[in-house]
PDB file of N, CA and C in Angstrom:
ATOM      1  N   CYS A   1      50.480 -36.351  27.369  1.00  0.00           N
ATOM      2  CA  CYS A   1      50.971 -35.304  26.495  1.00  0.00           C
ATOM      3  C   CYS A   1      52.420 -35.625  26.121  1.00  0.00           C
ATOM      4  N   ASP A   2      52.725 -35.592  24.854  1.00  0.00           N
ATOM      5  CA  ASP A   2      54.093 -35.908  24.454  1.00  0.00           C
ATOM      6  C   ASP A   2      55.027 -34.757  24.841  1.00  0.00           C
ATOM      7  N   PRO A   3      56.329 -35.050  25.002  1.00  0.00           N
ATOM      8  CA  PRO A   3      57.278 -34.027  25.475  1.00  0.00           C
ATOM      9  C   PRO A   3      57.315 -32.762  24.622  1.00  0.00           C
ATOM     10  N   LEU A   4      57.148 -32.892  23.309  1.00  0.00           N
ATOM     11  CA  LEU A   4      57.185 -31.698  22.464  1.00  0.00           C
ATOM     12  C   LEU A   4      55.990 -30.791  22.729  1.00  0.00           C
ATOM     13  N   ARG A   5      54.851 -31.373  22.959  1.00  0.00           N
ATOM     14  CA  ARG A   5      53.678 -30.555  23.283  1.00  0.00           C
ATOM     15  C   ARG A   5      53.744 -30.041  24.712  1.00  0.00           C
ATOM     16  N   LYS A   6      54.277 -30.843  25.605  1.00  0.00           N
ATOM     17  CA  LYS A   6      54.319 -30.459  27.016  1.00  0.00           C
ATOM     18  C   LYS A   6      55.129 -29.177  27.213  1.00  0.00           C
ATOM     19  N   ARG A   7      56.152 -28.982  26.404  1.00  0.00           N
ATOM     20  CA  ARG A   7      56.977 -27.777  26.570  1.00  0.00           C
ATOM     21  C   ARG A   7      56.201 -26.510  26.222  1.00  0.00           C
ATOM     22  N   MET A   8      55.083 -26.662  25.521  1.00  0.00           N
ATOM     23  CA  MET A   8      54.264 -25.505  25.158  1.00  0.00           C
ATOM     24  C   MET A   8      53.233 -25.163  26.228  1.00  0.00           C
ATOM     25  N   ILE A   9      53.117 -25.984  27.255  1.00  0.00           N
ATOM     26  CA  ILE A   9      52.117 -25.754  28.296  1.00  0.00           C
ATOM     27  C   ILE A   9      52.651 -24.733  29.287  1.00  0.00           C
ATOM     28  N   THR A  10      51.979 -23.608  29.362  1.00  0.00           N
ATOM     29  CA  THR A  10      52.352 -22.559  30.304  1.00  0.00           C
ATOM     30  C   THR A  10      51.104 -22.111  31.053  1.00  0.00           C
ATOM     31  N   SER A  11      51.301 -21.329  32.070  1.00  0.00           N
ATOM     32  CA  SER A  11      50.157 -20.816  32.828  1.00  0.00           C
ATOM     33  C   SER A  11      49.413 -19.717  32.071  1.00  0.00           C
ATOM     34  N   GLU A  12      49.944 -19.265  30.950  1.00  0.00           N
ATOM     35  CA  GLU A  12      49.309 -18.188  30.185  1.00  0.00           C
ATOM     36  C   GLU A  12      48.238 -18.692  29.227  1.00  0.00           C
ATOM     37  N   ARG A  13      48.045 -19.972  29.142  1.00  0.00           N
ATOM     38  CA  ARG A  13      47.115 -20.503  28.153  1.00  0.00           C
ATOM     39  C   ARG A  13      45.663 -20.413  28.625  1.00  0.00           C
ATOM     40  N   VAL A  14      44.774 -20.663  27.682  1.00  0.00           N
ATOM     41  CA  VAL A  14      43.335 -20.677  27.944  1.00  0.00           C
ATOM     42  C   VAL A  14      42.846 -22.114  27.791  1.00  0.00           C
ATOM     43  N   VAL A  15      42.068 -22.575  28.737  1.00  0.00           N
ATOM     44  CA  VAL A  15      41.442 -23.887  28.630  1.00  0.00           C
ATOM     45  C   VAL A  15      39.988 -23.660  28.248  1.00  0.00           C
ATOM     46  N   VAL A  16      39.531 -24.369  27.225  1.00  0.00           N
ATOM     47  CA  VAL A  16      38.181 -24.179  26.704  1.00  0.00           C
ATOM     48  C   VAL A  16      37.478 -25.526  26.623  1.00  0.00           C
ATOM     49  N   ASP A  17      36.241 -25.563  27.084  1.00  0.00           N
ATOM     50  CA  ASP A  17      35.447 -26.777  26.938  1.00  0.00           C
ATOM     51  C   ASP A  17      34.811 -26.783  25.553  1.00  0.00           C
ATOM     52  N   ILE A  18      34.433 -27.943  25.097  1.00  0.00           N
ATOM     53  CA  ILE A  18      33.826 -28.103  23.780  1.00  0.00           C
ATOM     54  C   ILE A  18      32.318 -27.871  23.894  1.00  0.00           C
ATOM     55  N   ALA A  19      31.795 -27.001  23.067  1.00  0.00           N
ATOM     56  CA  ALA A  19      30.376 -26.638  23.158  1.00  0.00           C
ATOM     57  C   ALA A  19      29.458 -27.841  23.002  1.00  0.00           C
ATOM     58  N   SER A  20      29.862 -28.813  22.209  1.00  0.00           N
ATOM     59  CA  SER A  20      28.985 -29.971  21.994  1.00  0.00           C
ATOM     60  C   SER A  20      28.772 -30.783  23.265  1.00  0.00           C
ATOM     61  N   ARG A  21      29.607 -30.581  24.269  1.00  0.00           N
ATOM     62  CA  ARG A  21      29.453 -31.276  25.549  1.00  0.00           C
ATOM     63  C   ARG A  21      28.396 -30.615  26.424  1.00  0.00           C
ATOM     64  N   LEU A  22      27.891 -29.485  25.987  1.00  0.00           N
ATOM     65  CA  LEU A  22      26.874 -28.762  26.748  1.00  0.00           C
ATOM     66  C   LEU A  22      25.652 -29.627  27.030  1.00  0.00           C
ATOM     67  N   ASP A  23      25.353 -30.542  26.120  1.00  0.00           N
ATOM     68  CA  ASP A  23      24.183 -31.397  26.320  1.00  0.00           C
ATOM     69  C   ASP A  23      24.298 -32.272  27.560  1.00  0.00           C
ATOM     70  N   LEU A  24      25.508 -32.485  28.050  1.00  0.00           N
ATOM     71  CA  LEU A  24      25.710 -33.317  29.238  1.00  0.00           C
ATOM     72  C   LEU A  24      25.358 -32.601  30.534  1.00  0.00           C
ATOM     73  N   VAL A  25      25.328 -31.278  30.513  1.00  0.00           N
ATOM     74  CA  VAL A  25      25.139 -30.531  31.763  1.00  0.00           C
ATOM     75  C   VAL A  25      23.887 -29.658  31.759  1.00  0.00           C
ATOM     76  N   GLN A  26      22.947 -29.947  30.895  1.00  0.00           N
ATOM     77  CA  GLN A  26      21.708 -29.178  30.915  1.00  0.00           C
ATOM     78  C   GLN A  26      20.533 -30.113  31.137  1.00  0.00           C
ATOM     79  N   GLY A  27      19.425 -29.545  31.521  1.00  0.00           N
ATOM     80  CA  GLY A  27      18.225 -30.340  31.711  1.00  0.00           C
ATOM     81  C   GLY A  27      17.704 -30.330  33.133  1.00  0.00           C
ATOM     82  N   SER A  28      18.599 -30.149  34.100  1.00  0.00           N
ATOM     83  CA  SER A  28      18.158 -30.099  35.498  1.00  0.00           C
ATOM     84  C   SER A  28      19.216 -29.386  36.326  1.00  0.00           C
ATOM     85  N   ASN A  29      18.805 -28.879  37.481  1.00  0.00           N
ATOM     86  CA  ASN A  29      19.769 -28.247  38.387  1.00  0.00           C
ATOM     87  C   ASN A  29      20.836 -29.234  38.819  1.00  0.00           C
ATOM     88  N   ALA A  30      20.457 -30.489  39.017  1.00  0.00           N
ATOM     89  CA  ALA A  30      21.428 -31.505  39.437  1.00  0.00           C
ATOM     90  C   ALA A  30      22.522 -31.681  38.384  1.00  0.00           C
ATOM     91  N   LYS A  31      22.137 -31.709  37.099  1.00  0.00           N
ATOM     92  CA  LYS A  31      23.132 -31.847  36.030  1.00  0.00           C
ATOM     93  C   LYS A  31      24.024 -30.611  35.943  1.00  0.00           C
ATOM     94  N   ILE A  32      23.420 -29.433  36.071  1.00  0.00           N
ATOM     95  CA  ILE A  32      24.212 -28.199  36.014  1.00  0.00           C
ATOM     96  C   ILE A  32      25.189 -28.158  37.182  1.00  0.00           C
ATOM     97  N   ASN A  33      24.726 -28.481  38.377  1.00  0.00           N
ATOM     98  CA  ASN A  33      25.610 -28.504  39.547  1.00  0.00           C
ATOM     99  C   ASN A  33      26.722 -29.523  39.380  1.00  0.00           C
ATOM    100  N   ALA A  34      26.399 -30.698  38.859  1.00  0.00           N
ATOM    101  CA  ALA A  34      27.420 -31.727  38.644  1.00  0.00           C
ATOM    102  C   ALA A  34      28.466 -31.240  37.646  1.00  0.00           C
ATOM    103  N   GLY A  35      28.020 -30.588  36.569  1.00  0.00           N
ATOM    104  CA  GLY A  35      28.954 -30.051  35.582  1.00  0.00           C
ATOM    105  C   GLY A  35      29.833 -28.955  36.156  1.00  0.00           C
ATOM    106  N   ALA A  36      29.243 -28.068  36.939  1.00  0.00           N
ATOM    107  CA  ALA A  36      30.010 -26.981  37.563  1.00  0.00           C
ATOM    108  C   ALA A  36      31.026 -27.537  38.550  1.00  0.00           C
ATOM    109  N   ASN A  37      30.617 -28.502  39.352  1.00  0.00           N
ATOM    110  CA  ASN A  37      31.542 -29.107  40.316  1.00  0.00           C
ATOM    111  C   ASN A  37      32.656 -29.868  39.618  1.00  0.00           C
ATOM    112  N   PHE A  38      32.327 -30.564  38.530  1.00  0.00           N
ATOM    113  CA  PHE A  38      33.355 -31.275  37.774  1.00  0.00           C
ATOM    114  C   PHE A  38      34.384 -30.295  37.216  1.00  0.00           C
ATOM    115  N   ALA A  39      33.909 -29.178  36.654  1.00  0.00           N
ATOM    116  CA  ALA A  39      34.826 -28.180  36.090  1.00  0.00           C
ATOM    117  C   ALA A  39      35.769 -27.645  37.162  1.00  0.00           C
ATOM    118  N   ALA A  40      35.234 -27.335  38.337  1.00  0.00           N
ATOM    119  CA  ALA A  40      36.073 -26.832  39.430  1.00  0.00           C
ATOM    120  C   ALA A  40      37.078 -27.888  39.869  1.00  0.00           C
ATOM    121  N   ASP A  41      36.632 -29.122  40.012  1.00  0.00           N
ATOM    122  CA  ASP A  41      37.529 -30.206  40.422  1.00  0.00           C
ATOM    123  C   ASP A  41      38.587 -30.483  39.367  1.00  0.00           C
ATOM    124  N   PHE A  42      38.219 -30.378  38.101  1.00  0.00           N
ATOM    125  CA  PHE A  42      39.172 -30.596  37.010  1.00  0.00           C
ATOM    126  C   PHE A  42      40.374 -29.669  37.162  1.00  0.00           C
ATOM    127  N   PHE A  43      40.115 -28.406  37.440  1.00  0.00           N
ATOM    128  CA  PHE A  43      41.215 -27.457  37.600  1.00  0.00           C
ATOM    129  C   PHE A  43      42.032 -27.748  38.851  1.00  0.00           C
ATOM    130  N   ARG A  44      41.378 -28.207  39.896  1.00  0.00           N
ATOM    131  CA  ARG A  44      42.093 -28.495  41.145  1.00  0.00           C
ATOM    132  C   ARG A  44      42.950 -29.743  41.049  1.00  0.00           C
ATOM    133  N   TYR A  45      42.441 -30.774  40.385  1.00  0.00           N
ATOM    134  CA  TYR A  45      43.116 -32.070  40.437  1.00  0.00           C
ATOM    135  C   TYR A  45      43.923 -32.427  39.196  1.00  0.00           C
ATOM    136  N   PHE A  46      43.559 -31.943  38.024  1.00  0.00           N
ATOM    137  CA  PHE A  46      44.280 -32.309  36.816  1.00  0.00           C
ATOM    138  C   PHE A  46      45.593 -31.557  36.682  1.00  0.00           C
ATOM    139  N   PHE A  47      45.559 -30.267  36.936  1.00  0.00           N
ATOM    140  CA  PHE A  47      46.753 -29.456  36.733  1.00  0.00           C
ATOM    141  C   PHE A  47      47.672 -29.559  37.939  1.00  0.00           C
ATOM    142  N   ASP A  48      48.936 -29.812  37.668  1.00  0.00           N
ATOM    143  CA  ASP A  48      49.923 -30.018  38.730  1.00  0.00           C
ATOM    144  C   ASP A  48      51.263 -29.458  38.261  1.00  0.00           C
ATOM    145  N   GLU A  49      51.681 -28.386  38.874  1.00  0.00           N
ATOM    146  CA  GLU A  49      52.935 -27.715  38.504  1.00  0.00           C
ATOM    147  C   GLU A  49      54.125 -28.671  38.578  1.00  0.00           C
ATOM    148  N   LYS A  50      54.143 -29.538  39.574  1.00  0.00           N
ATOM    149  CA  LYS A  50      55.273 -30.465  39.763  1.00  0.00           C
ATOM    150  C   LYS A  50      55.406 -31.445  38.603  1.00  0.00           C
ATOM    151  N   ARG A  51      54.284 -31.823  38.003  1.00  0.00           N
ATOM    152  CA  ARG A  51      54.319 -32.748  36.865  1.00  0.00           C
ATOM    153  C   ARG A  51      54.454 -32.005  35.536  1.00  0.00           C
ATOM    154  N   GLY A  52      54.523 -30.696  35.585  1.00  0.00           N
ATOM    155  CA  GLY A  52      54.696 -29.911  34.373  1.00  0.00           C
ATOM    156  C   GLY A  52      53.412 -29.434  33.737  1.00  0.00           C
ATOM    157  N   TYR A  53      52.322 -29.480  34.482  1.00  0.00           N
ATOM    158  CA  TYR A  53      51.033 -29.020  33.976  1.00  0.00           C
ATOM    159  C   TYR A  53      50.505 -27.899  34.863  1.00  0.00           C
ATOM    160  N   PRO A  54      51.052 -26.690  34.736  1.00  0.00           N
ATOM    161  CA  PRO A  54      50.565 -25.589  35.577  1.00  0.00           C
ATOM    162  C   PRO A  54      49.124 -25.236  35.226  1.00  0.00           C
ATOM    163  N   LYS A  55      48.398 -24.718  36.203  1.00  0.00           N
ATOM    164  CA  LYS A  55      47.026 -24.282  35.939  1.00  0.00           C
ATOM    165  C   LYS A  55      47.058 -23.168  34.907  1.00  0.00           C
ATOM    166  N   PRO A  56      46.095 -23.164  34.017  1.00  0.00           N
ATOM    167  CA  PRO A  56      46.014 -22.065  33.063  1.00  0.00           C
ATOM    168  C   PRO A  56      45.560 -20.798  33.776  1.00  0.00           C
ATOM    169  N   ARG A  57      45.825 -19.694  33.180  1.00  0.00           N
ATOM    170  CA  ARG A  57      45.386 -18.427  33.752  1.00  0.00           C
ATOM    171  C   ARG A  57      43.911 -18.164  33.427  1.00  0.00           C
ATOM    172  N   TYR A  58      43.449 -18.670  32.300  1.00  0.00           N
ATOM    173  CA  TYR A  58      42.100 -18.366  31.830  1.00  0.00           C
ATOM    174  C   TYR A  58      41.322 -19.643  31.510  1.00  0.00           C
ATOM    175  N   ALA A  59      40.024 -19.583  31.688  1.00  0.00           N
ATOM    176  CA  ALA A  59      39.135 -20.686  31.310  1.00  0.00           C
ATOM    177  C   ALA A  59      37.912 -20.104  30.615  1.00  0.00           C
ATOM    178  N   GLU A  60      37.512 -20.729  29.526  1.00  0.00           N
ATOM    179  CA  GLU A  60      36.279 -20.356  28.830  1.00  0.00           C
ATOM    180  C   GLU A  60      35.352 -21.560  28.937  1.00  0.00           C
ATOM    181  N   CYS A  61      34.147 -21.338  29.443  1.00  0.00           N
ATOM    182  CA  CYS A  61      33.281 -22.488  29.734  1.00  0.00           C
ATOM    183  C   CYS A  61      32.883 -23.268  28.490  1.00  0.00           C
ATOM    184  N   PHE A  62      32.615 -22.624  27.387  1.00  0.00           N
ATOM    185  CA  PHE A  62      32.289 -23.324  26.145  1.00  0.00           C
ATOM    186  C   PHE A  62      32.821 -22.516  24.983  1.00  0.00           C
ATOM    187  N   ASN A  63      33.265 -23.202  23.944  1.00  0.00           N
ATOM    188  CA  ASN A  63      33.802 -22.527  22.777  1.00  0.00           C
ATOM    189  C   ASN A  63      32.705 -22.299  21.744  1.00  0.00           C
ATOM    190  N   GLU A  64      32.353 -21.056  21.527  1.00  0.00           N
ATOM    191  CA  GLU A  64      31.427 -20.632  20.476  1.00  0.00           C
ATOM    192  C   GLU A  64      30.079 -21.359  20.458  1.00  0.00           C
ATOM    193  N   PRO A  65      29.411 -21.523  21.595  1.00  0.00           N
ATOM    194  CA  PRO A  65      28.130 -22.232  21.541  1.00  0.00           C
ATOM    195  C   PRO A  65      27.026 -21.432  20.867  1.00  0.00           C
ATOM    196  N   MET A  66      27.141 -20.105  20.861  1.00  0.00           N
ATOM    197  CA  MET A  66      26.048 -19.300  20.319  1.00  0.00           C
ATOM    198  C   MET A  66      25.946 -19.408  18.799  1.00  0.00           C
ATOM    199  N   VAL A  67      27.035 -19.774  18.141  1.00  0.00           N
ATOM    200  CA  VAL A  67      27.005 -19.960  16.693  1.00  0.00           C
ATOM    201  C   VAL A  67      26.075 -21.121  16.342  1.00  0.00           C
ATOM    202  N   LYS A  68      26.022 -22.108  17.228  1.00  0.00           N
ATOM    203  CA  LYS A  68      25.216 -23.311  16.987  1.00  0.00           C
ATOM    204  C   LYS A  68      24.008 -23.361  17.918  1.00  0.00           C
ATOM    205  N   TRP A  69      23.451 -22.219  18.252  1.00  0.00           N
ATOM    206  CA  TRP A  69      22.382 -22.175  19.253  1.00  0.00           C
ATOM    207  C   TRP A  69      21.219 -23.093  18.914  1.00  0.00           C
ATOM    208  N   LYS A  70      20.915 -23.279  17.631  1.00  0.00           N
ATOM    209  CA  LYS A  70      19.770 -24.118  17.252  1.00  0.00           C
ATOM    210  C   LYS A  70      19.957 -25.567  17.697  1.00  0.00           C
ATOM    211  N   SER A  71      21.191 -26.026  17.751  1.00  0.00           N
ATOM    212  CA  SER A  71      21.432 -27.420  18.149  1.00  0.00           C
ATOM    213  C   SER A  71      21.241 -27.634  19.649  1.00  0.00           C
ATOM    214  N   PHE A  72      21.084 -26.559  20.419  1.00  0.00           N
ATOM    215  CA  PHE A  72      20.893 -26.670  21.865  1.00  0.00           C
ATOM    216  C   PHE A  72      19.445 -26.412  22.287  1.00  0.00           C
ATOM    217  N   ARG A  73      18.548 -26.282  21.317  1.00  0.00           N
ATOM    218  CA  ARG A  73      17.141 -26.049  21.645  1.00  0.00           C
ATOM    219  C   ARG A  73      16.531 -27.278  22.311  1.00  0.00           C
ATOM    220  N   ASN A  74      15.644 -27.033  23.262  1.00  0.00           N
ATOM    221  CA  ASN A  74      14.893 -28.124  23.884  1.00  0.00           C
ATOM    222  C   ASN A  74      13.756 -28.588  22.983  1.00  0.00           C
ATOM    223  N   SER A  75      13.323 -27.716  22.078  1.00  0.00           N
ATOM    224  CA  SER A  75      12.297 -28.055  21.085  1.00  0.00           C
ATOM    225  C   SER A  75      12.507 -27.139  19.887  1.00  0.00           C
ATOM    226  N   ASN A  76      11.905 -27.483  18.767  1.00  0.00           N
ATOM    227  CA  ASN A  76      12.035 -26.641  17.571  1.00  0.00           C
ATOM    228  C   ASN A  76      11.425 -25.263  17.762  1.00  0.00           C
ATOM    229  N   ALA A  77      10.530 -25.143  18.726  1.00  0.00           N
ATOM    230  CA  ALA A  77       9.863 -23.864  18.972  1.00  0.00           C
ATOM    231  C   ALA A  77      10.651 -22.951  19.912  1.00  0.00           C
ATOM    232  N   GLU A  78      11.687 -23.465  20.566  1.00  0.00           N
ATOM    233  CA  GLU A  78      12.432 -22.638  21.525  1.00  0.00           C
ATOM    234  C   GLU A  78      13.164 -21.517  20.799  1.00  0.00           C
ATOM    235  N   SER A  79      13.070 -20.318  21.341  1.00  0.00           N
ATOM    236  CA  SER A  79      13.665 -19.137  20.710  1.00  0.00           C
ATOM    237  C   SER A  79      15.161 -19.040  20.998  1.00  0.00           C
ATOM    238  N   GLU A  80      15.829 -18.256  20.155  1.00  0.00           N
ATOM    239  CA  GLU A  80      17.252 -18.008  20.353  1.00  0.00           C
ATOM    240  C   GLU A  80      17.488 -17.358  21.718  1.00  0.00           C
ATOM    241  N   GLU A  81      16.640 -16.415  22.083  1.00  0.00           N
ATOM    242  CA  GLU A  81      16.777 -15.728  23.371  1.00  0.00           C
ATOM    243  C   GLU A  81      16.717 -16.718  24.536  1.00  0.00           C
ATOM    244  N   SER A  82      15.811 -17.665  24.471  1.00  0.00           N
ATOM    245  CA  SER A  82      15.669 -18.664  25.530  1.00  0.00           C
ATOM    246  C   SER A  82      16.913 -19.548  25.630  1.00  0.00           C
ATOM    247  N   VAL A  83      17.427 -19.976  24.483  1.00  0.00           N
ATOM    248  CA  VAL A  83      18.624 -20.829  24.462  1.00  0.00           C
ATOM    249  C   VAL A  83      19.820 -20.068  25.028  1.00  0.00           C
ATOM    250  N   VAL A  84      20.008 -18.836  24.577  1.00  0.00           N
ATOM    251  CA  VAL A  84      21.140 -18.028  25.039  1.00  0.00           C
ATOM    252  C   VAL A  84      21.049 -17.786  26.541  1.00  0.00           C
ATOM    253  N   LYS A  85      19.859 -17.519  27.035  1.00  0.00           N
ATOM    254  CA  LYS A  85      19.669 -17.304  28.474  1.00  0.00           C
ATOM    255  C   LYS A  85      20.033 -18.567  29.260  1.00  0.00           C
ATOM    256  N   ARG A  86      19.599 -19.723  28.775  1.00  0.00           N
ATOM    257  CA  ARG A  86      19.879 -20.987  29.460  1.00  0.00           C
ATOM    258  C   ARG A  86      21.377 -21.299  29.448  1.00  0.00           C
ATOM    259  N   ILE A  87      22.021 -21.126  28.293  1.00  0.00           N
ATOM    260  CA  ILE A  87      23.458 -21.374  28.198  1.00  0.00           C
ATOM    261  C   ILE A  87      24.222 -20.393  29.081  1.00  0.00           C
ATOM    262  N   GLY A  88      23.791 -19.139  29.095  1.00  0.00           N
ATOM    263  CA  GLY A  88      24.433 -18.144  29.956  1.00  0.00           C
ATOM    264  C   GLY A  88      24.336 -18.511  31.425  1.00  0.00           C
ATOM    265  N   ASN A  89      23.194 -19.033  31.841  1.00  0.00           N
ATOM    266  CA  ASN A  89      23.013 -19.470  33.222  1.00  0.00           C
ATOM    267  C   ASN A  89      23.963 -20.622  33.560  1.00  0.00           C
ATOM    268  N   ILE A  90      24.029 -21.604  32.669  1.00  0.00           N
ATOM    269  CA  ILE A  90      24.917 -22.751  32.899  1.00  0.00           C
ATOM    270  C   ILE A  90      26.365 -22.287  32.965  1.00  0.00           C
ATOM    271  N   CYS A  91      26.764 -21.466  31.998  1.00  0.00           N
ATOM    272  CA  CYS A  91      28.143 -20.982  31.949  1.00  0.00           C
ATOM    273  C   CYS A  91      28.477 -20.155  33.186  1.00  0.00           C
ATOM    274  N   GLY A  92      27.558 -19.306  33.608  1.00  0.00           N
ATOM    275  CA  GLY A  92      27.791 -18.498  34.804  1.00  0.00           C
ATOM    276  C   GLY A  92      28.016 -19.350  36.036  1.00  0.00           C
ATOM    277  N   ARG A  93      27.226 -20.393  36.166  1.00  0.00           N
ATOM    278  CA  ARG A  93      27.383 -21.280  37.323  1.00  0.00           C
ATOM    279  C   ARG A  93      28.702 -22.046  37.263  1.00  0.00           C
ATOM    280  N   MET A  94      29.091 -22.469  36.056  1.00  0.00           N
ATOM    281  CA  MET A  94      30.371 -23.173  35.916  1.00  0.00           C
ATOM    282  C   MET A  94      31.539 -22.242  36.239  1.00  0.00           C
ATOM    283  N   CYS A  95      31.494 -21.032  35.715  1.00  0.00           N
ATOM    284  CA  CYS A  95      32.582 -20.077  35.955  1.00  0.00           C
ATOM    285  C   CYS A  95      32.684 -19.714  37.431  1.00  0.00           C
ATOM    286  N   THR A  96      31.553 -19.549  38.091  1.00  0.00           N
ATOM    287  CA  THR A  96      31.558 -19.257  39.528  1.00  0.00           C
ATOM    288  C   THR A  96      32.210 -20.394  40.297  1.00  0.00           C
ATOM    289  N   ALA A  97      31.866 -21.627  39.955  1.00  0.00           N
ATOM    290  CA  ALA A  97      32.453 -22.782  40.645  1.00  0.00           C
ATOM    291  C   ALA A  97      33.952 -22.874  40.394  1.00  0.00           C
ATOM    292  N   ILE A  98      34.376 -22.618  39.159  1.00  0.00           N
ATOM    293  CA  ILE A  98      35.804 -22.684  38.833  1.00  0.00           C
ATOM    294  C   ILE A  98      36.582 -21.651  39.637  1.00  0.00           C
ATOM    295  N   THR A  99      36.133 -20.397  39.628  1.00  0.00           N
ATOM    296  CA  THR A  99      36.891 -19.345  40.318  1.00  0.00           C
ATOM    297  C   THR A  99      36.783 -19.444  41.835  1.00  0.00           C
ATOM    298  N   ARG A 100      35.690 -19.987  42.345  1.00  0.00           N
ATOM    299  CA  ARG A 100      35.573 -20.176  43.794  1.00  0.00           C
ATOM    300  C   ARG A 100      36.620 -21.191  44.268  1.00  0.00           C
ATOM    301  N   ALA A 101      36.787 -22.268  43.523  1.00  0.00           N
ATOM    302  CA  ALA A 101      37.737 -23.317  43.907  1.00  0.00           C
ATOM    303  C   ALA A 101      39.160 -23.001  43.461  1.00  0.00           C
ATOM    304  N   ASN A 102      39.306 -22.132  42.465  1.00  0.00           N
ATOM    305  CA  ASN A 102      40.614 -21.820  41.882  1.00  0.00           C
ATOM    306  C   ASN A 102      40.706 -20.318  41.645  1.00  0.00           C
ATOM    307  N   PRO A 103      40.884 -19.523  42.692  1.00  0.00           N
ATOM    308  CA  PRO A 103      40.824 -18.064  42.539  1.00  0.00           C
ATOM    309  C   PRO A 103      41.867 -17.478  41.589  1.00  0.00           C
ATOM    310  N   GLU A 104      42.911 -18.214  41.300  1.00  0.00           N
ATOM    311  CA  GLU A 104      43.951 -17.714  40.399  1.00  0.00           C
ATOM    312  C   GLU A 104      43.569 -17.868  38.925  1.00  0.00           C
ATOM    313  N   VAL A 105      42.477 -18.565  38.637  1.00  0.00           N
ATOM    314  CA  VAL A 105      42.018 -18.779  37.267  1.00  0.00           C
ATOM    315  C   VAL A 105      40.865 -17.816  36.968  1.00  0.00           C
ATOM    316  N   MET A 106      40.984 -17.069  35.867  1.00  0.00           N
ATOM    317  CA  MET A 106      39.896 -16.192  35.425  1.00  0.00           C
ATOM    318  C   MET A 106      39.003 -17.002  34.503  1.00  0.00           C
ATOM    319  N   ALA A 107      37.741 -17.146  34.868  1.00  0.00           N
ATOM    320  CA  ALA A 107      36.813 -17.939  34.064  1.00  0.00           C
ATOM    321  C   ALA A 107      35.726 -17.051  33.493  1.00  0.00           C
ATOM    322  N   GLY A 108      35.377 -17.303  32.246  1.00  0.00           N
ATOM    323  CA  GLY A 108      34.333 -16.542  31.590  1.00  0.00           C
ATOM    324  C   GLY A 108      33.794 -17.319  30.413  1.00  0.00           C
ATOM    325  N   GLY A 109      32.989 -16.671  29.631  1.00  0.00           N
ATOM    326  CA  GLY A 109      32.436 -17.358  28.469  1.00  0.00           C
ATOM    327  C   GLY A 109      31.374 -16.544  27.787  1.00  0.00           C
ATOM    328  N   PRO A 110      30.535 -17.262  27.065  1.00  0.00           N
ATOM    329  CA  PRO A 110      29.565 -16.568  26.217  1.00  0.00           C
ATOM    330  C   PRO A 110      28.598 -15.698  26.985  1.00  0.00           C
TER     331      PRO A 110
END
């Protein structure tokens, strides 16, 4: 991060994952668990107050995935309700892992 951007990093910010990365953490419990554990570890190991990267106060598991729900279907026949339920399950597990490992971070999402 360049110095001009680094000065804007505060603990009040929100960290958001990119919805298009959702495809990496769906398909099996093992993938969902790996994604949730990675998210929790990311907050523990990447952010370091001493280096000028304080942990954010808030985390959103995915940015606006419901707008593009059709792109997350397992098949053309999968309903919107099914996709939303699956994404909600993944997001819930990720948020639980983040807050369990980093209780000072409020995690939520779609």
